[in-house]
């Protein structure tokens, strides 16, 4: 991942990104018991994956390299949508 973030030109944000992803994952787990955390976590992870997808487009990465970011963005959007019901 260190080399990937250097390739993206975002090496200084690597640790912040990791912390935000861990916080989002923890929010999703705790959100099973307290719904506002689920909303915050899924929203935050959706935004992170959206920007990850933008970076992949900017670098002109192929479909297969962009697919995980797109999938996880959609998954978190679905979680956000499902918990609004």
Protein backbone atom coordinates (compact mmCIF):
# COMPACT_ATOMS: atom_id res chain seq x y z
CA UNK A 1 0.00 0.00 0.00
CA UNK A 2 2.91 2.37 0.62
CA UNK A 3 3.93 2.11 -3.03
CA UNK A 4 0.35 2.49 -4.22
CA UNK A 5 -0.13 5.72 -2.28
CA UNK A 6 3.16 7.01 -3.70
CA UNK A 7 1.91 6.13 -7.18
CA UNK A 8 -1.30 8.04 -6.48
CA UNK A 9 0.70 11.07 -5.32
CA UNK A 10 -1.07 10.83 -1.95
CA UNK A 11 1.65 9.37 0.28
CA UNK A 12 1.07 11.95 3.00
CA UNK A 13 -2.56 10.84 3.37
CA UNK A 14 -1.89 7.10 3.69
CA UNK A 15 -2.04 6.93 7.49
CA UNK A 16 -5.05 9.25 7.69
CA UNK A 17 -6.85 7.08 5.15
CA UNK A 18 -6.09 3.98 7.19
CA UNK A 19 -7.36 5.54 10.41
CA UNK A 20 -10.52 6.74 8.70
CA UNK A 21 -11.15 3.28 7.26
CA UNK A 22 -10.65 1.65 10.68
CA UNK A 23 -12.96 4.21 12.30
CA UNK A 24 -15.56 3.57 9.60
CA UNK A 25 -15.36 -0.18 10.08
CA UNK A 26 -15.65 0.16 13.84
CA UNK A 27 -18.63 2.49 13.36
CA UNK A 28 -20.32 -0.13 11.20
CA UNK A 29 -19.82 -2.78 13.89
CA UNK A 30 -21.01 -0.54 16.70
CA UNK A 31 -23.81 0.66 14.46
CA UNK A 32 -25.41 -2.74 14.81
CA UNK A 33 -26.32 -1.60 18.33
CA UNK A 34 -26.57 2.18 17.85
CA UNK A 35 -27.93 3.17 14.44
CA UNK A 36 -26.51 6.73 14.23
CA UNK A 37 -23.02 5.20 14.19
CA UNK A 38 -24.06 2.97 11.30
CA UNK A 39 -25.17 6.03 9.34
CA UNK A 40 -21.96 7.92 10.11
CA UNK A 41 -19.73 4.95 9.31
CA UNK A 42 -21.42 4.00 6.05
CA UNK A 43 -21.53 7.64 4.94
CA UNK A 44 -17.86 8.16 5.67
CA UNK A 45 -16.77 4.95 3.98
CA UNK A 46 -18.92 5.77 0.96
CA UNK A 47 -17.17 9.12 0.60
CA UNK A 48 -13.73 7.52 1.03
CA UNK A 49 -14.48 4.94 -1.66
CA UNK A 50 -15.90 7.60 -3.97
CA UNK A 51 -12.66 9.56 -3.75
CA UNK A 52 -10.70 6.33 -4.17
CA UNK A 53 -12.63 5.73 -7.36
CA UNK A 54 -11.89 9.27 -8.56
CA UNK A 55 -8.18 8.67 -7.97
CA UNK A 56 -8.36 5.46 -9.99
CA UNK A 57 -10.05 7.33 -12.85
CA UNK A 58 -7.48 10.10 -12.67
CA UNK A 59 -4.68 7.53 -13.00
CA UNK A 60 -6.57 5.82 -15.82
CA UNK A 61 -6.52 2.49 -14.02
CA UNK A 62 -8.52 -0.22 -15.68
CA UNK A 63 -11.92 -1.58 -14.75
CA UNK A 64 -10.55 -4.44 -12.63
CA UNK A 65 -8.36 -2.14 -10.53
CA UNK A 66 -11.27 0.24 -9.99
CA UNK A 67 -13.83 -2.46 -9.22
CA UNK A 68 -13.09 -2.89 -5.47
CA UNK A 69 -13.52 0.83 -4.75
CA UNK A 70 -16.73 0.90 -6.78
CA UNK A 71 -18.09 -2.24 -5.06
CA UNK A 72 -17.37 -0.99 -1.54
CA UNK A 73 -18.82 2.42 -2.35
CA UNK A 74 -22.05 0.78 -3.55
CA UNK A 75 -22.11 -1.55 -0.55
CA UNK A 76 -21.86 1.36 1.88
CA UNK A 77 -24.46 3.36 -0.03
CA UNK A 78 -26.76 0.33 0.21
CA UNK A 79 -26.14 0.07 3.98
CA UNK A 80 -26.92 3.76 4.31
CA UNK A 81 -30.08 3.40 2.23
CA UNK A 82 -31.23 0.25 4.09
CA UNK A 83 -30.82 1.80 7.54
CA UNK A 84 -32.98 4.78 6.54
CA UNK A 85 -36.06 2.56 6.31
